[in-house]
Amino acid sequence: MPQPHSDALTTTAALVGRVRERLRADRVDASAAPDAVARITRAEVRRHNDLALARGGVAVDDEAARVNEVLAAVTGYGALQPYLDDPEVEEVWPVCRG
């Protein structure tokens, strides 16, 4: 059985794909129109929840957090974006595994 974290990653990836498709279809430049990107992202998260509820699927619990994740992936640096936005964070170092 998949873990909830895995489901969240799959849902986020699907949402990122749908937002990017809409941006291309609507010819929206993500860097020039951040408000349009945010609007489209919120609409896609709501659409996901509407479909999930209608079909008995898993809805996104925290829509605002998921919108932020998708926006970070589409217009920012993904998982690094919260650290880059945090004024308390001065450096981000890679973890070397070897």
PDB file of N, CA and C in Angstrom:
ATOM      1  N   MET A   1       0.842  -1.187   0.000  1.00  0.00           N
ATOM      2  CA  MET A   1       0.000   0.000   0.000  1.00  0.00           C
ATOM      3  C   MET A   1       0.879   1.240   0.000  1.00  0.00           C
ATOM      4  N   PRO A   2       0.603   2.228  -0.885  1.00  0.00           N
ATOM      5  CA  PRO A   2       1.438   3.434  -0.935  1.00  0.00           C
ATOM      6  C   PRO A   2       1.324   4.256   0.333  1.00  0.00           C
ATOM      7  N   GLN A   3       2.423   4.926   0.664  1.00  0.00           N
ATOM      8  CA  GLN A   3       2.451   5.793   1.830  1.00  0.00           C
ATOM      9  C   GLN A   3       1.768   7.116   1.497  1.00  0.00           C
ATOM     10  N   PRO A   4       1.160   7.781   2.490  1.00  0.00           N
ATOM     11  CA  PRO A   4       0.528   9.091   2.237  1.00  0.00           C
ATOM     12  C   PRO A   4       1.496  10.099   1.631  1.00  0.00           C
ATOM     13  N   HIS A   5       2.760  10.070   2.059  1.00  0.00           N
ATOM     14  CA  HIS A   5       3.750  11.000   1.525  1.00  0.00           C
ATOM     15  C   HIS A   5       3.938  10.747   0.031  1.00  0.00           C
ATOM     16  N   SER A   6       3.966   9.487  -0.353  1.00  0.00           N
ATOM     17  CA  SER A   6       4.105   9.126  -1.760  1.00  0.00           C
ATOM     18  C   SER A   6       2.909   9.621  -2.571  1.00  0.00           C
ATOM     19  N   ASP A   7       1.708   9.490  -2.016  1.00  0.00           N
ATOM     20  CA  ASP A   7       0.509   9.995  -2.686  1.00  0.00           C
ATOM     21  C   ASP A   7       0.580  11.505  -2.865  1.00  0.00           C
ATOM     22  N   ALA A   8       1.067  12.200  -1.860  1.00  0.00           N
ATOM     23  CA  ALA A   8       1.179  13.659  -1.940  1.00  0.00           C
ATOM     24  C   ALA A   8       2.161  14.059  -3.026  1.00  0.00           C
ATOM     25  N   LEU A   9       3.282  13.337  -3.134  1.00  0.00           N
ATOM     26  CA  LEU A   9       4.261  13.644  -4.179  1.00  0.00           C
ATOM     27  C   LEU A   9       3.677  13.386  -5.559  1.00  0.00           C
ATOM     28  N   THR A  10       2.939  12.306  -5.700  1.00  0.00           N
ATOM     29  CA  THR A  10       2.313  11.982  -6.979  1.00  0.00           C
ATOM     30  C   THR A  10       1.285  13.038  -7.349  1.00  0.00           C
ATOM     31  N   THR A  11       0.473  13.451  -6.386  1.00  0.00           N
ATOM     32  CA  THR A  11      -0.535  14.477  -6.632  1.00  0.00           C
ATOM     33  C   THR A  11       0.127  15.798  -7.006  1.00  0.00           C
ATOM     34  N   THR A  12       1.167  16.173  -6.284  1.00  0.00           N
ATOM     35  CA  THR A  12       1.869  17.422  -6.588  1.00  0.00           C
ATOM     36  C   THR A  12       2.462  17.375  -7.983  1.00  0.00           C
ATOM     37  N   ALA A  13       3.077  16.264  -8.345  1.00  0.00           N
ATOM     38  CA  ALA A  13       3.666  16.135  -9.684  1.00  0.00           C
ATOM     39  C   ALA A  13       2.592  16.256 -10.765  1.00  0.00           C
ATOM     40  N   ALA A  14       1.443  15.641 -10.535  1.00  0.00           N
ATOM     41  CA  ALA A  14       0.345  15.729 -11.507  1.00  0.00           C
ATOM     42  C   ALA A  14      -0.159  17.164 -11.619  1.00  0.00           C
ATOM     43  N   LEU A  15      -0.280  17.845 -10.492  1.00  0.00           N
ATOM     44  CA  LEU A  15      -0.728  19.239 -10.499  1.00  0.00           C
ATOM     45  C   LEU A  15       0.273  20.137 -11.211  1.00  0.00           C
ATOM     46  N   VAL A  16       1.555  19.911 -10.975  1.00  0.00           N
ATOM     47  CA  VAL A  16       2.596  20.698 -11.656  1.00  0.00           C
ATOM     48  C   VAL A  16       2.461  20.510 -13.164  1.00  0.00           C
ATOM     49  N   GLY A  17       2.253  19.274 -13.588  1.00  0.00           N
ATOM     50  CA  GLY A  17       2.086  19.007 -15.013  1.00  0.00           C
ATOM     51  C   GLY A  17       0.880  19.712 -15.599  1.00  0.00           C
ATOM     52  N   ARG A  18      -0.243  19.677 -14.876  1.00  0.00           N
ATOM     53  CA  ARG A  18      -1.451  20.336 -15.381  1.00  0.00           C
ATOM     54  C   ARG A  18      -1.293  21.851 -15.427  1.00  0.00           C
ATOM     55  N   VAL A  19      -0.646  22.424 -14.424  1.00  0.00           N
ATOM     56  CA  VAL A  19      -0.429  23.880 -14.420  1.00  0.00           C
ATOM     57  C   VAL A  19       0.468  24.260 -15.590  1.00  0.00           C
ATOM     58  N   ARG A  20       1.533  23.512 -15.812  1.00  0.00           N
ATOM     59  CA  ARG A  20       2.420  23.815 -16.940  1.00  0.00           C
ATOM     60  C   ARG A  20       1.690  23.690 -18.274  1.00  0.00           C
ATOM     61  N   GLU A  21       0.837  22.685 -18.406  1.00  0.00           N
ATOM     62  CA  GLU A  21       0.037  22.532 -19.633  1.00  0.00           C
ATOM     63  C   GLU A  21      -0.863  23.744 -19.856  1.00  0.00           C
ATOM     64  N   ARG A  22      -1.524  24.193 -18.783  1.00  0.00           N
ATOM     65  CA  ARG A  22      -2.407  25.362 -18.908  1.00  0.00           C
ATOM     66  C   ARG A  22      -1.628  26.615 -19.253  1.00  0.00           C
ATOM     67  N   LEU A  23      -0.456  26.776 -18.659  1.00  0.00           N
ATOM     68  CA  LEU A  23       0.373  27.948 -18.964  1.00  0.00           C
ATOM     69  C   LEU A  23       0.763  27.949 -20.431  1.00  0.00           C
ATOM     70  N   ARG A  24       1.139  26.780 -20.953  1.00  0.00           N
ATOM     71  CA  ARG A  24       1.487  26.693 -22.380  1.00  0.00           C
ATOM     72  C   ARG A  24       0.267  26.959 -23.255  1.00  0.00           C
ATOM     73  N   ALA A  25      -0.860  26.338 -22.905  1.00  0.00           N
ATOM     74  CA  ALA A  25      -2.079  26.496 -23.711  1.00  0.00           C
ATOM     75  C   ALA A  25      -2.557  27.943 -23.718  1.00  0.00           C
ATOM     76  N   ASP A  26      -2.450  28.611 -22.570  1.00  0.00           N
ATOM     77  CA  ASP A  26      -2.900  30.005 -22.458  1.00  0.00           C
ATOM     78  C   ASP A  26      -1.802  31.002 -22.848  1.00  0.00           C
ATOM     79  N   ARG A  27      -0.634  30.485 -23.202  1.00  0.00           N
ATOM     80  CA  ARG A  27       0.520  31.307 -23.566  1.00  0.00           C
ATOM     81  C   ARG A  27       0.866  32.324 -22.484  1.00  0.00           C
ATOM     82  N   VAL A  28       0.935  31.826 -21.253  1.00  0.00           N
ATOM     83  CA  VAL A  28       1.267  32.668 -20.102  1.00  0.00           C
ATOM     84  C   VAL A  28       2.749  32.503 -19.796  1.00  0.00           C
ATOM     85  N   ASP A  29       3.459  33.610 -19.725  1.00  0.00           N
ATOM     86  CA  ASP A  29       4.861  33.615 -19.329  1.00  0.00           C
ATOM     87  C   ASP A  29       4.893  33.666 -17.801  1.00  0.00           C
ATOM     88  N   ALA A  30       5.325  32.562 -17.192  1.00  0.00           N
ATOM     89  CA  ALA A  30       5.284  32.450 -15.729  1.00  0.00           C
ATOM     90  C   ALA A  30       6.090  33.537 -15.037  1.00  0.00           C
ATOM     91  N   SER A  31       7.198  33.947 -15.621  1.00  0.00           N
ATOM     92  CA  SER A  31       8.016  34.974 -14.974  1.00  0.00           C
ATOM     93  C   SER A  31       7.417  36.367 -15.119  1.00  0.00           C
ATOM     94  N   ALA A  32       6.605  36.576 -16.159  1.00  0.00           N
ATOM     95  CA  ALA A  32       6.022  37.896 -16.398  1.00  0.00           C
ATOM     96  C   ALA A  32       4.635  38.061 -15.792  1.00  0.00           C
ATOM     97  N   ALA A  33       3.983  36.950 -15.469  1.00  0.00           N
ATOM     98  CA  ALA A  33       2.600  37.023 -14.972  1.00  0.00           C
ATOM     99  C   ALA A  33       2.400  36.118 -13.750  1.00  0.00           C
ATOM    100  N   PRO A  34       3.067  36.452 -12.635  1.00  0.00           N
ATOM    101  CA  PRO A  34       2.950  35.591 -11.449  1.00  0.00           C
ATOM    102  C   PRO A  34       1.521  35.501 -10.901  1.00  0.00           C
ATOM    103  N   ASP A  35       0.732  36.552 -11.050  1.00  0.00           N
ATOM    104  CA  ASP A  35      -0.656  36.498 -10.577  1.00  0.00           C
ATOM    105  C   ASP A  35      -1.473  35.493 -11.379  1.00  0.00           C
ATOM    106  N   ALA A  36      -1.239  35.436 -12.679  1.00  0.00           N
ATOM    107  CA  ALA A  36      -1.942  34.469 -13.524  1.00  0.00           C
ATOM    108  C   ALA A  36      -1.528  33.049 -13.170  1.00  0.00           C
ATOM    109  N   VAL A  37      -0.254  32.850 -12.880  1.00  0.00           N
ATOM    110  CA  VAL A  37       0.224  31.522 -12.491  1.00  0.00           C
ATOM    111  C   VAL A  37      -0.431  31.093 -11.174  1.00  0.00           C
ATOM    112  N   ALA A  38      -0.507  32.002 -10.227  1.00  0.00           N
ATOM    113  CA  ALA A  38      -1.137  31.693  -8.939  1.00  0.00           C
ATOM    114  C   ALA A  38      -2.621  31.385  -9.126  1.00  0.00           C
ATOM    115  N   ARG A  39      -3.290  32.145  -9.966  1.00  0.00           N
ATOM    116  CA  ARG A  39      -4.719  31.911 -10.227  1.00  0.00           C
ATOM    117  C   ARG A  39      -4.939  30.537 -10.847  1.00  0.00           C
ATOM    118  N   ILE A  40      -4.134  30.208 -11.845  1.00  0.00           N
ATOM    119  CA  ILE A  40      -4.251  28.908 -12.509  1.00  0.00           C
ATOM    120  C   ILE A  40      -3.936  27.780 -11.533  1.00  0.00           C
ATOM    121  N   THR A  41      -2.935  27.967 -10.706  1.00  0.00           N
ATOM    122  CA  THR A  41      -2.553  26.937  -9.737  1.00  0.00           C
ATOM    123  C   THR A  41      -3.679  26.697  -8.737  1.00  0.00           C
ATOM    124  N   ARG A  42      -4.256  27.769  -8.201  1.00  0.00           N
ATOM    125  CA  ARG A  42      -5.373  27.606  -7.260  1.00  0.00           C
ATOM    126  C   ARG A  42      -6.545  26.889  -7.935  1.00  0.00           C
ATOM    127  N   ALA A  43      -6.816  27.241  -9.186  1.00  0.00           N
ATOM    128  CA  ALA A  43      -7.918  26.612  -9.917  1.00  0.00           C
ATOM    129  C   ALA A  43      -7.656  25.120 -10.128  1.00  0.00           C
ATOM    130  N   GLU A  44      -6.424  24.751 -10.426  1.00  0.00           N
ATOM    131  CA  GLU A  44      -6.104  23.336 -10.650  1.00  0.00           C
ATOM    132  C   GLU A  44      -6.176  22.525  -9.361  1.00  0.00           C
ATOM    133  N   VAL A  45      -5.772  23.120  -8.237  1.00  0.00           N
ATOM    134  CA  VAL A  45      -5.879  22.409  -6.953  1.00  0.00           C
ATOM    135  C   VAL A  45      -7.350  22.220  -6.599  1.00  0.00           C
ATOM    136  N   ARG A  46      -8.174  23.250  -6.797  1.00  0.00           N
ATOM    137  CA  ARG A  46      -9.619  23.121  -6.544  1.00  0.00           C
ATOM    138  C   ARG A  46     -10.232  22.074  -7.468  1.00  0.00           C
ATOM    139  N   ARG A  47      -9.819  22.096  -8.736  1.00  0.00           N
ATOM    140  CA  ARG A  47     -10.324  21.118  -9.715  1.00  0.00           C
ATOM    141  C   ARG A  47      -9.968  19.703  -9.275  1.00  0.00           C
ATOM    142  N   HIS A  48      -8.734  19.515  -8.810  1.00  0.00           N
ATOM    143  CA  HIS A  48      -8.316  18.197  -8.317  1.00  0.00           C
ATOM    144  C   HIS A  48      -9.227  17.741  -7.180  1.00  0.00           C
ATOM    145  N   ASN A  49      -9.472  18.635  -6.225  1.00  0.00           N
ATOM    146  CA  ASN A  49     -10.319  18.272  -5.085  1.00  0.00           C
ATOM    147  C   ASN A  49     -11.749  17.982  -5.511  1.00  0.00           C
ATOM    148  N   ASP A  50     -12.286  18.774  -6.426  1.00  0.00           N
ATOM    149  CA  ASP A  50     -13.644  18.533  -6.916  1.00  0.00           C
ATOM    150  C   ASP A  50     -13.748  17.155  -7.562  1.00  0.00           C
ATOM    151  N   LEU A  51     -12.785  16.820  -8.419  1.00  0.00           N
ATOM    152  CA  LEU A  51     -12.788  15.511  -9.077  1.00  0.00           C
ATOM    153  C   LEU A  51     -12.574  14.379  -8.077  1.00  0.00           C
ATOM    154  N   ALA A  52     -11.680  14.588  -7.123  1.00  0.00           N
ATOM    155  CA  ALA A  52     -11.418  13.560  -6.114  1.00  0.00           C
ATOM    156  C   ALA A  52     -12.682  13.283  -5.291  1.00  0.00           C
ATOM    157  N   LEU A  53     -13.378  14.316  -4.899  1.00  0.00           N
ATOM    158  CA  LEU A  53     -14.603  14.133  -4.116  1.00  0.00           C
ATOM    159  C   LEU A  53     -15.698  13.462  -4.943  1.00  0.00           C
ATOM    160  N   ALA A  54     -15.804  13.827  -6.211  1.00  0.00           N
ATOM    161  CA  ALA A  54     -16.835  13.246  -7.081  1.00  0.00           C
ATOM    162  C   ALA A  54     -16.552  11.779  -7.391  1.00  0.00           C
ATOM    163  N   ARG A  55     -15.280  11.406  -7.450  1.00  0.00           N
ATOM    164  CA  ARG A  55     -14.909  10.044  -7.836  1.00  0.00           C
ATOM    165  C   ARG A  55     -14.477   9.174  -6.668  1.00  0.00           C
ATOM    166  N   GLY A  56     -14.556   9.713  -5.462  1.00  0.00           N
ATOM    167  CA  GLY A  56     -14.152   8.938  -4.288  1.00  0.00           C
ATOM    168  C   GLY A  56     -12.644   8.848  -4.124  1.00  0.00           C
ATOM    169  N   GLY A  57     -11.920   9.789  -4.708  1.00  0.00           N
ATOM    170  CA  GLY A  57     -10.461   9.802  -4.599  1.00  0.00           C
ATOM    171  C   GLY A  57     -10.008  10.547  -3.359  1.00  0.00           C
ATOM    172  N   VAL A  58      -8.714  10.786  -3.299  1.00  0.00           N
ATOM    173  CA  VAL A  58      -8.121  11.473  -2.152  1.00  0.00           C
ATOM    174  C   VAL A  58      -7.971  12.951  -2.480  1.00  0.00           C
ATOM    175  N   ALA A  59      -8.617  13.783  -1.688  1.00  0.00           N
ATOM    176  CA  ALA A  59      -8.536  15.228  -1.873  1.00  0.00           C
ATOM    177  C   ALA A  59      -7.310  15.768  -1.144  1.00  0.00           C
ATOM    178  N   VAL A  60      -6.855  16.936  -1.572  1.00  0.00           N
ATOM    179  CA  VAL A  60      -5.747  17.626  -0.922  1.00  0.00           C
ATOM    180  C   VAL A  60      -6.280  18.231   0.374  1.00  0.00           C
ATOM    181  N   ASP A  61      -5.629  17.910   1.496  1.00  0.00           N
ATOM    182  CA  ASP A  61      -6.081  18.423   2.792  1.00  0.00           C
ATOM    183  C   ASP A  61      -5.825  19.919   2.943  1.00  0.00           C
ATOM    184  N   ASP A  62      -4.616  20.335   2.670  1.00  0.00           N
ATOM    185  CA  ASP A  62      -4.213  21.726   2.861  1.00  0.00           C
ATOM    186  C   ASP A  62      -3.990  22.361   1.487  1.00  0.00           C
ATOM    187  N   GLU A  63      -5.043  22.955   0.950  1.00  0.00           N
ATOM    188  CA  GLU A  63      -4.970  23.516  -0.400  1.00  0.00           C
ATOM    189  C   GLU A  63      -3.907  24.607  -0.500  1.00  0.00           C
ATOM    190  N   ALA A  64      -3.826  25.471   0.490  1.00  0.00           N
ATOM    191  CA  ALA A  64      -2.868  26.582   0.430  1.00  0.00           C
ATOM    192  C   ALA A  64      -1.434  26.055   0.381  1.00  0.00           C
ATOM    193  N   ALA A  65      -1.133  25.050   1.184  1.00  0.00           N
ATOM    194  CA  ALA A  65       0.215  24.481   1.183  1.00  0.00           C
ATOM    195  C   ALA A  65       0.519  23.818  -0.153  1.00  0.00           C
ATOM    196  N   ARG A  66      -0.468  23.110  -0.728  1.00  0.00           N
ATOM    197  CA  ARG A  66      -0.243  22.449  -2.013  1.00  0.00           C
ATOM    198  C   ARG A  66      -0.064  23.481  -3.130  1.00  0.00           C
ATOM    199  N   VAL A  67      -0.819  24.572  -3.064  1.00  0.00           N
ATOM    200  CA  VAL A  67      -0.645  25.649  -4.052  1.00  0.00           C
ATOM    201  C   VAL A  67       0.782  26.181  -3.974  1.00  0.00           C
ATOM    202  N   ASN A  68       1.278  26.398  -2.757  1.00  0.00           N
ATOM    203  CA  ASN A  68       2.647  26.897  -2.588  1.00  0.00           C
ATOM    204  C   ASN A  68       3.680  25.916  -3.140  1.00  0.00           C
ATOM    205  N   GLU A  69       3.461  24.608  -2.917  1.00  0.00           N
ATOM    206  CA  GLU A  69       4.380  23.596  -3.442  1.00  0.00           C
ATOM    207  C   GLU A  69       4.408  23.624  -4.966  1.00  0.00           C
ATOM    208  N   VAL A  70       3.223  23.700  -5.564  1.00  0.00           N
ATOM    209  CA  VAL A  70       3.140  23.710  -7.022  1.00  0.00           C
ATOM    210  C   VAL A  70       3.765  24.987  -7.578  1.00  0.00           C
ATOM    211  N   LEU A  71       3.479  26.112  -6.959  1.00  0.00           N
ATOM    212  CA  LEU A  71       4.079  27.374  -7.407  1.00  0.00           C
ATOM    213  C   LEU A  71       5.606  27.323  -7.314  1.00  0.00           C
ATOM    214  N   ALA A  72       6.122  26.740  -6.241  1.00  0.00           N
ATOM    215  CA  ALA A  72       7.572  26.627  -6.086  1.00  0.00           C
ATOM    216  C   ALA A  72       8.166  25.767  -7.191  1.00  0.00           C
ATOM    217  N   ALA A  73       7.463  24.721  -7.570  1.00  0.00           N
ATOM    218  CA  ALA A  73       7.960  23.843  -8.631  1.00  0.00           C
ATOM    219  C   ALA A  73       7.872  24.505 -10.004  1.00  0.00           C
ATOM    220  N   VAL A  74       6.822  25.284 -10.225  1.00  0.00           N
ATOM    221  CA  VAL A  74       6.597  25.880 -11.544  1.00  0.00           C
ATOM    222  C   VAL A  74       7.417  27.155 -11.737  1.00  0.00           C
ATOM    223  N   THR A  75       7.483  27.997 -10.727  1.00  0.00           N
ATOM    224  CA  THR A  75       8.118  29.301 -10.900  1.00  0.00           C
ATOM    225  C   THR A  75       9.382  29.489 -10.070  1.00  0.00           C
ATOM    226  N   GLY A  76       9.686  28.541  -9.221  1.00  0.00           N
ATOM    227  CA  GLY A  76      10.831  28.717  -8.332  1.00  0.00           C
ATOM    228  C   GLY A  76      11.808  27.566  -8.429  1.00  0.00           C
ATOM    229  N   TYR A  77      12.348  27.203  -7.303  1.00  0.00           N
ATOM    230  CA  TYR A  77      13.363  26.166  -7.220  1.00  0.00           C
ATOM    231  C   TYR A  77      12.855  24.942  -6.456  1.00  0.00           C
ATOM    232  N   GLY A  78      11.576  24.658  -6.583  1.00  0.00           N
ATOM    233  CA  GLY A  78      11.002  23.458  -5.986  1.00  0.00           C
ATOM    234  C   GLY A  78      11.144  23.425  -4.481  1.00  0.00           C
ATOM    235  N   ALA A  79      11.656  22.318  -3.978  1.00  0.00           N
ATOM    236  CA  ALA A  79      11.767  22.126  -2.530  1.00  0.00           C
ATOM    237  C   ALA A  79      12.727  23.111  -1.871  1.00  0.00           C
ATOM    238  N   LEU A  80      13.629  23.696  -2.644  1.00  0.00           N
ATOM    239  CA  LEU A  80      14.556  24.687  -2.081  1.00  0.00           C
ATOM    240  C   LEU A  80      13.908  26.052  -1.874  1.00  0.00           C
ATOM    241  N   GLN A  81      12.811  26.329  -2.577  1.00  0.00           N
ATOM    242  CA  GLN A  81      12.222  27.665  -2.560  1.00  0.00           C
ATOM    243  C   GLN A  81      11.882  28.178  -1.164  1.00  0.00           C
ATOM    244  N   PRO A  82      11.293  27.368  -0.275  1.00  0.00           N
ATOM    245  CA  PRO A  82      11.001  27.899   1.067  1.00  0.00           C
ATOM    246  C   PRO A  82      12.255  28.382   1.801  1.00  0.00           C
ATOM    247  N   TYR A  83      13.375  27.694   1.590  1.00  0.00           N
ATOM    248  CA  TYR A  83      14.620  28.121   2.243  1.00  0.00           C
ATOM    249  C   TYR A  83      15.139  29.421   1.630  1.00  0.00           C
ATOM    250  N   LEU A  84      14.998  29.546   0.329  1.00  0.00           N
ATOM    251  CA  LEU A  84      15.454  30.761  -0.343  1.00  0.00           C
ATOM    252  C   LEU A  84      14.592  31.966   0.030  1.00  0.00           C
ATOM    253  N   ASP A  85      13.327  31.727   0.331  1.00  0.00           N
ATOM    254  CA  ASP A  85      12.416  32.800   0.725  1.00  0.00           C
ATOM    255  C   ASP A  85      12.545  33.185   2.194  1.00  0.00           C
ATOM    256  N   ASP A  86      13.140  32.315   2.999  1.00  0.00           N
ATOM    257  CA  ASP A  86      13.239  32.525   4.447  1.00  0.00           C
ATOM    258  C   ASP A  86      14.389  33.481   4.764  1.00  0.00           C
ATOM    259  N   PRO A  87      14.099  34.662   5.332  1.00  0.00           N
ATOM    260  CA  PRO A  87      15.170  35.618   5.619  1.00  0.00           C
ATOM    261  C   PRO A  87      16.142  35.126   6.697  1.00  0.00           C
ATOM    262  N   GLU A  88      15.751  34.122   7.477  1.00  0.00           N
ATOM    263  CA  GLU A  88      16.620  33.579   8.512  1.00  0.00           C
ATOM    264  C   GLU A  88      17.679  32.625   7.942  1.00  0.00           C
ATOM    265  N   VAL A  89      17.443  32.114   6.753  1.00  0.00           N
ATOM    266  CA  VAL A  89      18.384  31.178   6.131  1.00  0.00           C
ATOM    267  C   VAL A  89      19.427  31.972   5.366  1.00  0.00           C
ATOM    268  N   GLU A  90      20.693  31.756   5.730  1.00  0.00           N
ATOM    269  CA  GLU A  90      21.787  32.487   5.090  1.00  0.00           C
ATOM    270  C   GLU A  90      22.497  31.659   4.035  1.00  0.00           C
ATOM    271  N   GLU A  91      22.517  30.344   4.194  1.00  0.00           N
ATOM    272  CA  GLU A  91      23.220  29.486   3.251  1.00  0.00           C
ATOM    273  C   GLU A  91      22.446  28.181   3.071  1.00  0.00           C
ATOM    274  N   VAL A  92      22.566  27.622   1.881  1.00  0.00           N
ATOM    275  CA  VAL A  92      21.998  26.307   1.592  1.00  0.00           C
ATOM    276  C   VAL A  92      23.135  25.462   1.054  1.00  0.00           C
ATOM    277  N   TRP A  93      23.424  24.373   1.760  1.00  0.00           N
ATOM    278  CA  TRP A  93      24.531  23.512   1.369  1.00  0.00           C
ATOM    279  C   TRP A  93      24.010  22.166   0.895  1.00  0.00           C
ATOM    280  N   PRO A  94      24.622  21.623  -0.152  1.00  0.00           N
ATOM    281  CA  PRO A  94      24.209  20.296  -0.601  1.00  0.00           C
ATOM    282  C   PRO A  94      24.704  19.220   0.378  1.00  0.00           C
ATOM    283  N   VAL A  95      24.001  18.134   0.434  1.00  0.00           N
ATOM    284  CA  VAL A  95      24.414  17.000   1.244  1.00  0.00           C
ATOM    285  C   VAL A  95      25.163  16.056   0.325  1.00  0.00           C
ATOM    286  N   CYS A  96      26.394  15.769   0.671  1.00  0.00           N
ATOM    287  CA  CYS A  96      27.203  14.849  -0.135  1.00  0.00           C
ATOM    288  C   CYS A  96      27.103  13.449   0.450  1.00  0.00           C
ATOM    289  N   ARG A  97      26.733  12.535  -0.391  1.00  0.00           N
ATOM    290  CA  ARG A  97      26.634  11.139   0.054  1.00  0.00           C
ATOM    291  C   ARG A  97      27.604  10.328  -0.758  1.00  0.00           C
ATOM    292  N   GLY A  98      28.365   9.590  -0.075  1.00  0.00           N
ATOM    293  CA  GLY A  98      29.326   8.825  -0.860  1.00  0.00           C
ATOM    294  C   GLY A  98      30.088   7.814  -0.093  1.00  0.00           C
TER     295      GLY A  98
END
